Amino acid sequence: MPMLASLTFTLYQAATTDLSSDDALHITPLELRARVSYFLKQTEAQFRRRPVTPNLSPLQNKLLQDLRASKDFTVVPSDQNLGPCILEKDTYVRRVFKDHLSDETTYRRLTLADARKHMGFLKSSILDFI
């Protein structure tokens, strides 16, 4: 699949190269170049940051940033979108294992051989995709 990556790069290069360049006109047909350029502009517009009005005071915002940067605490979204939840990291990790990963109806522990087999399959799937 390196050919797909090369084609994708060529299309991107053609779409972002100056039209006056003679090389750009020989890379891809003009219509394809225009379509890729249009697609890139539309995609960028979808991911552009929009200004938001904060609902926290400057002091609350600073406190939240300090807590997020802390090595002792973790800030996660609460259930039912009620705002951020702040937990000690040790408590958070214990609860993840106890409440989620230890649930044998949802998860099962893999042997090392099984884990390696699944990682190999995942790696080949990713390489086939790209």
N, C-alpha and C. Protein backbone atom coordinates (compact mmCIF):
# COMPACT_ATOMS: atom_id res chain seq x y z
N MET A 1 0.78 -1.21 0.00
CA MET A 1 0.00 0.00 0.00
C MET A 1 0.83 1.28 0.00
N PRO A 2 2.17 1.21 -0.13
CA PRO A 2 2.92 2.45 -0.22
C PRO A 2 2.50 3.29 -1.41
N MET A 3 1.95 2.63 -2.44
CA MET A 3 1.50 3.37 -3.61
C MET A 3 0.34 4.31 -3.25
N LEU A 4 -0.57 3.85 -2.37
CA LEU A 4 -1.68 4.70 -1.94
C LEU A 4 -1.17 5.92 -1.20
N ALA A 5 -0.21 5.72 -0.30
CA ALA A 5 0.37 6.85 0.43
C ALA A 5 1.04 7.81 -0.53
N SER A 6 1.72 7.28 -1.54
CA SER A 6 2.39 8.12 -2.53
C SER A 6 1.36 8.92 -3.34
N LEU A 7 0.27 8.26 -3.73
CA LEU A 7 -0.77 8.94 -4.49
C LEU A 7 -1.42 10.03 -3.66
N THR A 8 -1.70 9.73 -2.38
CA THR A 8 -2.29 10.72 -1.49
C THR A 8 -1.38 11.92 -1.36
N PHE A 9 -0.07 11.67 -1.17
CA PHE A 9 0.87 12.78 -1.05
C PHE A 9 0.93 13.57 -2.35
N THR A 10 0.91 12.88 -3.48
CA THR A 10 0.96 13.56 -4.77
C THR A 10 -0.27 14.45 -4.95
N LEU A 11 -1.46 13.93 -4.58
CA LEU A 11 -2.68 14.74 -4.69
C LEU A 11 -2.61 15.96 -3.78
N TYR A 12 -2.13 15.75 -2.55
CA TYR A 12 -2.01 16.87 -1.62
C TYR A 12 -1.00 17.89 -2.16
N GLN A 13 0.11 17.39 -2.65
CA GLN A 13 1.14 18.27 -3.20
C GLN A 13 0.59 19.05 -4.39
N ALA A 14 -0.17 18.37 -5.23
CA ALA A 14 -0.73 19.05 -6.40
C ALA A 14 -1.74 20.11 -5.98
N ALA A 15 -2.51 19.80 -4.95
CA ALA A 15 -3.55 20.74 -4.51
C ALA A 15 -2.96 21.95 -3.80
N THR A 16 -1.78 21.81 -3.24
CA THR A 16 -1.20 22.91 -2.47
C THR A 16 -0.04 23.59 -3.19
N THR A 17 0.25 23.15 -4.40
CA THR A 17 1.34 23.76 -5.18
C THR A 17 0.80 24.94 -5.97
N ASP A 18 1.62 25.94 -6.17
CA ASP A 18 1.24 27.13 -6.93
C ASP A 18 0.84 26.72 -8.35
N LEU A 19 -0.31 27.22 -8.82
CA LEU A 19 -0.82 26.88 -10.16
C LEU A 19 0.14 27.27 -11.28
N SER A 20 0.95 28.30 -11.05
CA SER A 20 1.83 28.75 -12.11
C SER A 20 3.01 27.80 -12.31
N SER A 21 3.20 26.90 -11.38
CA SER A 21 4.31 25.96 -11.50
C SER A 21 4.02 24.96 -12.61
N ASP A 22 4.96 24.80 -13.54
CA ASP A 22 4.79 23.84 -14.63
C ASP A 22 4.70 22.41 -14.11
N ASP A 23 5.44 22.11 -13.05
CA ASP A 23 5.42 20.76 -12.49
C ASP A 23 4.04 20.41 -11.96
N ALA A 24 3.35 21.36 -11.35
CA ALA A 24 2.04 21.10 -10.76
C ALA A 24 1.04 20.67 -11.83
N LEU A 25 1.14 21.24 -13.03
CA LEU A 25 0.20 20.91 -14.09
C LEU A 25 0.45 19.52 -14.65
N HIS A 26 1.66 19.00 -14.48
CA HIS A 26 1.98 17.67 -15.00
C HIS A 26 1.73 16.57 -13.96
N ILE A 27 1.53 16.93 -12.71
CA ILE A 27 1.33 15.92 -11.66
C ILE A 27 -0.05 15.28 -11.79
N THR A 28 -1.10 16.09 -11.86
CA THR A 28 -2.47 15.57 -11.95
C THR A 28 -3.27 16.46 -12.88
N PRO A 29 -4.35 15.92 -13.42
CA PRO A 29 -5.22 16.75 -14.26
C PRO A 29 -5.78 17.92 -13.45
N LEU A 30 -6.04 19.02 -14.10
CA LEU A 30 -6.49 20.24 -13.45
C LEU A 30 -7.80 20.03 -12.68
N GLU A 31 -8.75 19.27 -13.24
CA GLU A 31 -10.02 19.06 -12.56
C GLU A 31 -9.82 18.31 -11.24
N LEU A 32 -8.97 17.29 -11.25
CA LEU A 32 -8.69 16.53 -10.03
C LEU A 32 -8.01 17.43 -9.00
N ARG A 33 -7.11 18.25 -9.46
CA ARG A 33 -6.41 19.19 -8.58
C ARG A 33 -7.41 20.15 -7.93
N ALA A 34 -8.35 20.64 -8.71
CA ALA A 34 -9.36 21.56 -8.18
C ALA A 34 -10.26 20.87 -7.16
N ARG A 35 -10.64 19.64 -7.45
CA ARG A 35 -11.51 18.91 -6.52
C ARG A 35 -10.80 18.62 -5.19
N VAL A 36 -9.53 18.22 -5.26
CA VAL A 36 -8.78 17.95 -4.03
C VAL A 36 -8.60 19.24 -3.24
N SER A 37 -8.32 20.32 -3.92
CA SER A 37 -8.17 21.61 -3.25
C SER A 37 -9.46 22.02 -2.56
N TYR A 38 -10.59 21.85 -3.24
CA TYR A 38 -11.89 22.18 -2.66
C TYR A 38 -12.16 21.30 -1.43
N PHE A 39 -11.88 20.00 -1.55
CA PHE A 39 -12.07 19.08 -0.43
C PHE A 39 -11.24 19.50 0.78
N LEU A 40 -9.98 19.85 0.57
CA LEU A 40 -9.12 20.26 1.68
C LEU A 40 -9.64 21.53 2.35
N LYS A 41 -10.11 22.49 1.56
CA LYS A 41 -10.64 23.73 2.14
C LYS A 41 -11.90 23.46 2.96
N GLN A 42 -12.78 22.60 2.44
CA GLN A 42 -14.01 22.27 3.16
C GLN A 42 -13.71 21.52 4.46
N THR A 43 -12.74 20.63 4.41
CA THR A 43 -12.35 19.86 5.59
C THR A 43 -11.76 20.78 6.64
N GLU A 44 -10.88 21.68 6.24
CA GLU A 44 -10.28 22.62 7.19
C GLU A 44 -11.35 23.48 7.86
N ALA A 45 -12.35 23.88 7.10
CA ALA A 45 -13.42 24.72 7.65
C ALA A 45 -14.19 23.98 8.75
N GLN A 46 -14.34 22.67 8.61
CA GLN A 46 -15.08 21.89 9.60
C GLN A 46 -14.33 21.79 10.94
N PHE A 47 -13.01 21.90 10.90
CA PHE A 47 -12.21 21.73 12.11
C PHE A 47 -11.63 23.03 12.64
N ARG A 48 -12.06 24.15 12.09
CA ARG A 48 -11.58 25.45 12.55
C ARG A 48 -12.17 25.75 13.92
N ARG A 49 -11.35 26.24 14.83
CA ARG A 49 -11.83 26.59 16.17
C ARG A 49 -12.76 27.79 16.09
N ARG A 50 -13.85 27.69 16.81
CA ARG A 50 -14.80 28.79 16.87
C ARG A 50 -14.69 29.45 18.24
N PRO A 51 -14.88 30.76 18.30
CA PRO A 51 -14.81 31.43 19.61
C PRO A 51 -15.96 30.97 20.51
N VAL A 52 -15.65 30.74 21.77
CA VAL A 52 -16.67 30.32 22.72
C VAL A 52 -16.66 31.26 23.91
N THR A 53 -17.80 31.40 24.54
CA THR A 53 -17.91 32.21 25.74
C THR A 53 -17.71 31.28 26.93
N PRO A 54 -16.69 31.51 27.75
CA PRO A 54 -16.46 30.60 28.87
C PRO A 54 -17.56 30.72 29.92
N ASN A 55 -17.89 29.60 30.55
CA ASN A 55 -18.88 29.63 31.61
C ASN A 55 -18.22 29.54 33.00
N LEU A 56 -16.90 29.66 33.03
CA LEU A 56 -16.14 29.67 34.27
C LEU A 56 -15.54 31.05 34.50
N SER A 57 -15.42 31.44 35.74
CA SER A 57 -14.74 32.70 36.05
C SER A 57 -13.24 32.49 35.79
N PRO A 58 -12.46 33.56 35.64
CA PRO A 58 -11.02 33.40 35.44
C PRO A 58 -10.36 32.59 36.56
N LEU A 59 -10.80 32.80 37.80
CA LEU A 59 -10.23 32.05 38.92
C LEU A 59 -10.56 30.55 38.81
N GLN A 60 -11.79 30.22 38.45
CA GLN A 60 -12.19 28.82 38.28
C GLN A 60 -11.42 28.17 37.13
N ASN A 61 -11.27 28.91 36.05
CA ASN A 61 -10.53 28.39 34.90
C ASN A 61 -9.08 28.11 35.26
N LYS A 62 -8.44 29.01 35.99
CA LYS A 62 -7.05 28.82 36.42
C LYS A 62 -6.94 27.60 37.33
N LEU A 63 -7.88 27.45 38.27
CA LEU A 63 -7.87 26.31 39.17
C LEU A 63 -8.02 25.00 38.39
N LEU A 64 -8.93 24.97 37.41
CA LEU A 64 -9.13 23.78 36.59
C LEU A 64 -7.87 23.44 35.81
N GLN A 65 -7.21 24.43 35.23
CA GLN A 65 -5.97 24.20 34.49
C GLN A 65 -4.88 23.65 35.42
N ASP A 66 -4.78 24.20 36.63
CA ASP A 66 -3.79 23.72 37.59
C ASP A 66 -4.06 22.27 37.98
N LEU A 67 -5.34 21.94 38.18
CA LEU A 67 -5.68 20.56 38.53
C LEU A 67 -5.39 19.60 37.37
N ARG A 68 -5.66 20.03 36.16
CA ARG A 68 -5.36 19.18 34.98
C ARG A 68 -3.87 18.95 34.84
N ALA A 69 -3.06 19.93 35.21
CA ALA A 69 -1.61 19.80 35.08
C ALA A 69 -1.00 19.02 36.25
N SER A 70 -1.77 18.80 37.30
CA SER A 70 -1.27 18.12 38.49
C SER A 70 -0.98 16.65 38.23
N LYS A 71 0.07 16.15 38.85
CA LYS A 71 0.39 14.72 38.75
C LYS A 71 -0.40 13.91 39.78
N ASP A 72 -1.00 14.56 40.75
CA ASP A 72 -1.73 13.87 41.82
C ASP A 72 -3.21 13.69 41.54
N PHE A 73 -3.76 14.48 40.62
CA PHE A 73 -5.19 14.45 40.33
C PHE A 73 -5.43 14.23 38.85
N THR A 74 -6.62 13.74 38.53
CA THR A 74 -7.03 13.62 37.13
C THR A 74 -8.42 14.24 37.00
N VAL A 75 -8.65 14.91 35.89
CA VAL A 75 -9.94 15.55 35.62
C VAL A 75 -10.58 14.79 34.47
N VAL A 76 -11.77 14.25 34.73
CA VAL A 76 -12.48 13.47 33.71
C VAL A 76 -13.91 13.98 33.61
N PRO A 77 -14.58 13.75 32.47
CA PRO A 77 -15.98 14.13 32.36
C PRO A 77 -16.82 13.26 33.30
N SER A 78 -17.80 13.86 33.92
CA SER A 78 -18.67 13.10 34.82
C SER A 78 -19.76 12.40 34.03
N ASP A 79 -20.44 11.48 34.69
CA ASP A 79 -21.59 10.83 34.06
C ASP A 79 -22.67 11.85 33.78
N GLN A 80 -23.39 11.66 32.73
CA GLN A 80 -24.54 12.48 32.34
C GLN A 80 -24.19 13.95 32.13
N ASN A 81 -22.95 14.22 31.73
CA ASN A 81 -22.51 15.58 31.36
C ASN A 81 -22.78 16.63 32.43
N LEU A 82 -22.48 16.32 33.65
CA LEU A 82 -22.71 17.27 34.74
C LEU A 82 -21.48 18.14 35.02
N GLY A 83 -20.49 18.08 34.19
CA GLY A 83 -19.28 18.88 34.38
C GLY A 83 -18.10 17.99 34.71
N PRO A 84 -16.94 18.60 34.95
CA PRO A 84 -15.75 17.79 35.21
C PRO A 84 -15.79 17.15 36.59
N CYS A 85 -15.13 16.01 36.69
CA CYS A 85 -15.01 15.28 37.94
C CYS A 85 -13.51 15.19 38.25
N ILE A 86 -13.13 15.51 39.47
CA ILE A 86 -11.72 15.53 39.86
C ILE A 86 -11.48 14.40 40.85
N LEU A 87 -10.54 13.52 40.51
CA LEU A 87 -10.21 12.39 41.37
C LEU A 87 -8.70 12.32 41.58
N GLU A 88 -8.31 11.75 42.74
CA GLU A 88 -6.90 11.46 42.91
C GLU A 88 -6.53 10.38 41.90
N LYS A 89 -5.33 10.49 41.30
CA LYS A 89 -4.93 9.53 40.26
C LYS A 89 -4.95 8.10 40.76
N ASP A 90 -4.45 7.87 41.98
CA ASP A 90 -4.43 6.50 42.51
C ASP A 90 -5.85 5.94 42.62
N THR A 91 -6.78 6.74 43.09
CA THR A 91 -8.17 6.31 43.21
C THR A 91 -8.75 6.02 41.83
N TYR A 92 -8.46 6.88 40.87
CA TYR A 92 -8.97 6.71 39.51
C TYR A 92 -8.48 5.40 38.90
N VAL A 93 -7.18 5.12 39.03
CA VAL A 93 -6.61 3.89 38.46
C VAL A 93 -7.21 2.66 39.13
N ARG A 94 -7.34 2.68 40.47
CA ARG A 94 -7.94 1.55 41.18
C ARG A 94 -9.38 1.30 40.71
N ARG A 95 -10.14 2.38 40.54
CA ARG A 95 -11.54 2.24 40.11
C ARG A 95 -11.65 1.75 38.68
N VAL A 96 -10.74 2.16 37.82
CA VAL A 96 -10.76 1.67 36.44
C VAL A 96 -10.60 0.15 36.43
N PHE A 97 -9.62 -0.35 37.20
CA PHE A 97 -9.43 -1.80 37.26
C PHE A 97 -10.60 -2.50 37.94
N LYS A 98 -11.03 -1.98 39.08
CA LYS A 98 -12.09 -2.64 39.85
C LYS A 98 -13.43 -2.60 39.12
N ASP A 99 -13.84 -1.42 38.65
CA ASP A 99 -15.17 -1.25 38.07
C ASP A 99 -15.28 -1.68 36.62
N HIS A 100 -14.18 -1.66 35.89
CA HIS A 100 -14.27 -1.92 34.46
C HIS A 100 -13.44 -3.12 34.01
N LEU A 101 -12.14 -3.04 34.14
CA LEU A 101 -11.28 -4.07 33.56
C LEU A 101 -11.39 -5.42 34.27
N SER A 102 -11.83 -5.44 35.53
CA SER A 102 -12.00 -6.71 36.26
C SER A 102 -13.34 -7.36 35.99
N ASP A 103 -14.20 -6.71 35.23
CA ASP A 103 -15.52 -7.25 34.92
C ASP A 103 -15.37 -8.35 33.87
N GLU A 104 -15.48 -9.61 34.30
CA GLU A 104 -15.23 -10.74 33.40
C GLU A 104 -16.36 -10.96 32.40
N THR A 105 -17.49 -10.30 32.57
CA THR A 105 -18.56 -10.42 31.58
C THR A 105 -18.27 -9.55 30.36
N THR A 106 -17.39 -8.55 30.53
CA THR A 106 -17.05 -7.65 29.43
C THR A 106 -15.64 -7.91 28.89
N TYR A 107 -14.70 -8.17 29.79
CA TYR A 107 -13.30 -8.35 29.42
C TYR A 107 -12.79 -9.71 29.84
N ARG A 108 -11.78 -10.19 29.14
CA ARG A 108 -11.08 -11.40 29.57
C ARG A 108 -9.59 -11.14 29.46
N ARG A 109 -8.85 -11.72 30.36
CA ARG A 109 -7.39 -11.55 30.39
C ARG A 109 -6.80 -12.41 29.27
N LEU A 110 -5.92 -11.81 28.48
CA LEU A 110 -5.27 -12.53 27.39
C LEU A 110 -3.96 -13.14 27.86
N THR A 111 -3.63 -14.28 27.29
CA THR A 111 -2.31 -14.82 27.52
C THR A 111 -1.33 -14.00 26.68
N LEU A 112 -0.06 -14.13 26.98
CA LEU A 112 0.94 -13.39 26.22
C LEU A 112 0.89 -13.79 24.74
N ALA A 113 0.69 -15.07 24.48
CA ALA A 113 0.62 -15.55 23.09
C ALA A 113 -0.59 -14.96 22.37
N ASP A 114 -1.75 -14.93 23.04
CA ASP A 114 -2.95 -14.32 22.44
C ASP A 114 -2.74 -12.84 22.17
N ALA A 115 -2.15 -12.15 23.12
CA ALA A 115 -1.91 -10.71 22.96
C ALA A 115 -1.00 -10.46 21.76
N ARG A 116 0.05 -11.26 21.64
CA ARG A 116 0.97 -11.09 20.50
C ARG A 116 0.27 -11.38 19.17
N LYS A 117 -0.60 -12.40 19.17
CA LYS A 117 -1.34 -12.74 17.95
C LYS A 117 -2.25 -11.57 17.54
N HIS A 118 -2.98 -11.00 18.51
CA HIS A 118 -3.88 -9.88 18.22
C HIS A 118 -3.09 -8.64 17.79
N MET A 119 -1.93 -8.40 18.41
CA MET A 119 -1.11 -7.24 18.02
C MET A 119 -0.59 -7.41 16.60
N GLY A 120 -0.20 -8.64 16.24
CA GLY A 120 0.26 -8.89 14.86
C GLY A 120 -0.84 -8.66 13.85
N PHE A 121 -2.05 -9.14 14.17
CA PHE A 121 -3.19 -8.93 13.28
C PHE A 121 -3.50 -7.45 13.13
N LEU A 122 -3.49 -6.73 14.25
CA LEU A 122 -3.77 -5.29 14.22
C LEU A 122 -2.72 -4.55 13.40
N LYS A 123 -1.45 -4.91 13.61
CA LYS A 123 -0.37 -4.26 12.86
C LYS A 123 -0.53 -4.50 11.36
N SER A 124 -0.82 -5.74 10.97
CA SER A 124 -0.97 -6.02 9.53
C SER A 124 -2.21 -5.31 8.96
N SER A 125 -3.28 -5.20 9.76
CA SER A 125 -4.47 -4.49 9.30
C SER A 125 -4.17 -3.01 9.06
N ILE A 126 -3.42 -2.42 9.97
CA ILE A 126 -3.05 -1.01 9.82
C ILE A 126 -2.16 -0.81 8.61
N LEU A 127 -1.17 -1.70 8.44
CA LEU A 127 -0.27 -1.58 7.28
C LEU A 127 -1.01 -1.80 5.97
N ASP A 128 -1.99 -2.71 5.96
CA ASP A 128 -2.79 -2.90 4.75
C ASP A 128 -3.63 -1.67 4.44
N PHE A 129 -4.10 -1.01 5.50
CA PHE A 129 -4.92 0.18 5.32
C PHE A 129 -4.12 1.33 4.72
N ILE A 130 -2.90 1.53 5.24
CA ILE A 130 -2.09 2.63 4.73
C ILE A 130 -1.27 2.18 3.57
